[in-house]
Amino acid sequence: NILAGNSSLNVAVKVKNGYNFSVNNIVITEGTAPDGATLDLSYSNAPFAAQTSLTFTDTLAPDDTITLYVRLNALRGATTGGIFKLSAKASVVS
């Protein structure tokens, strides 16, 4: 649980290329967050450099993964919890 006005611990998230082709130029952004919350993204856990989007230029073959870190911030006055989603876009490698 996260109390209003506080942040979660940094959590590692693995993103997997589930397609049967390689992708690159992967952009990860906050898809949705509960009311009263914001989501920070970072390439690393230490230091955690909060950003609203991350771009990975590496090529990911099928089933390859990348790791990023997220932190949820409950704003002052937040009264409910919920589920957040990340959004990922990528280019097909030809």
Protein backbone atom coordinates (compact mmCIF):
# COMPACT_ATOMS: atom_id res chain seq x y z
CA ASN A 1 0.00 0.00 0.00
CA ILE A 2 1.08 3.56 -0.69
CA LEU A 3 -0.23 6.43 1.40
CA ALA A 4 -1.28 9.69 -0.25
CA GLY A 5 1.71 11.98 -0.73
CA ASN A 6 4.19 9.08 -0.85
CA SER A 7 5.94 7.03 -3.54
CA SER A 8 6.39 3.31 -4.01
CA LEU A 9 9.73 1.58 -4.08
CA ASN A 10 11.38 1.37 -7.50
CA VAL A 11 10.28 -1.80 -9.26
CA ALA A 12 12.02 -3.58 -12.16
CA VAL A 13 9.75 -4.31 -15.13
CA LYS A 14 10.71 -6.58 -18.01
CA VAL A 15 9.25 -5.84 -21.44
CA LYS A 16 9.30 -8.81 -23.84
CA ASN A 17 9.13 -8.76 -27.62
CA GLY A 18 6.23 -11.16 -28.10
CA TYR A 19 6.20 -10.83 -31.89
CA ASN A 20 7.84 -13.29 -34.30
CA PHE A 21 9.98 -10.49 -35.81
CA SER A 22 12.62 -8.10 -34.48
CA VAL A 23 11.77 -4.56 -33.35
CA ASN A 24 13.74 -1.44 -32.43
CA ASN A 25 13.16 2.21 -31.48
CA ILE A 26 11.00 1.06 -28.57
CA VAL A 27 9.22 3.88 -26.74
CA ILE A 28 7.69 3.14 -23.34
CA THR A 29 5.24 5.63 -21.80
CA GLU A 30 2.65 5.69 -19.05
CA GLY A 31 -0.51 4.27 -20.58
CA THR A 32 -2.95 4.82 -17.73
CA ALA A 33 -2.60 5.48 -14.02
CA PRO A 34 -5.23 5.60 -11.30
CA ASP A 35 -6.73 8.99 -10.44
CA GLY A 36 -4.49 10.76 -7.97
CA ALA A 37 -1.34 8.94 -9.07
CA THR A 38 1.55 9.50 -11.45
CA LEU A 39 4.11 7.07 -12.78
CA ASP A 40 7.86 7.69 -13.12
CA LEU A 41 10.02 5.64 -15.50
CA SER A 42 13.79 5.18 -15.40
CA TYR A 43 16.46 3.28 -17.32
CA SER A 44 18.16 2.34 -14.04
CA ASN A 45 17.34 1.73 -10.41
CA ALA A 46 20.34 3.59 -9.03
CA PRO A 47 20.27 6.35 -9.82
CA PHE A 48 16.55 6.47 -10.53
CA ALA A 49 16.20 9.36 -13.01
CA ALA A 50 12.44 9.95 -13.27
CA GLN A 51 11.14 10.41 -16.83
CA THR A 52 7.73 10.28 -18.48
CA SER A 53 8.94 8.18 -21.43
CA LEU A 54 11.90 5.97 -22.27
CA THR A 55 13.34 5.18 -25.71
CA PHE A 56 15.38 2.05 -26.36
CA THR A 57 17.20 2.02 -29.71
CA ASP A 58 18.54 -1.54 -29.37
CA THR A 59 17.08 -4.23 -31.59
CA LEU A 60 15.00 -6.81 -29.76
CA ALA A 61 14.75 -10.21 -31.41
CA PRO A 62 11.65 -12.33 -30.75
CA ASP A 63 11.39 -13.26 -27.05
CA ASP A 64 14.19 -10.84 -26.05
CA THR A 65 13.52 -8.53 -23.10
CA ILE A 66 14.54 -5.11 -21.86
CA THR A 67 14.38 -3.98 -18.24
CA LEU A 68 13.17 -0.63 -17.00
CA TYR A 69 12.22 0.68 -13.58
CA VAL A 70 8.97 2.27 -12.43
CA ARG A 71 7.86 4.19 -9.36
CA LEU A 72 4.27 5.08 -8.52
CA ASN A 73 3.56 8.40 -6.81
CA ALA A 74 0.32 8.81 -4.85
CA LEU A 75 -0.56 12.50 -4.91
CA ARG A 76 -1.80 14.33 -1.84
CA GLY A 77 -5.54 13.86 -1.63
CA ALA A 78 -5.51 10.50 -3.46
CA THR A 79 -8.34 8.41 -2.06
CA THR A 80 -8.41 5.26 -4.17
CA GLY A 81 -6.01 2.73 -5.58
CA GLY A 82 -6.07 1.05 -8.94
CA ILE A 83 -4.14 -0.50 -11.78
CA PHE A 84 -1.70 1.27 -14.05
CA LYS A 85 -0.63 0.28 -17.55
CA LEU A 86 2.41 1.02 -19.66
CA SER A 87 2.27 1.71 -23.38
CA ALA A 88 4.94 0.41 -25.77
CA LYS A 89 5.49 1.34 -29.42
CA ALA A 90 8.23 0.00 -31.66
CA SER A 91 9.43 -0.13 -35.28
CA VAL A 92 9.69 -3.35 -37.24
CA VAL A 93 13.26 -4.20 -38.27
CA SER A 94 13.33 -5.08 -41.95
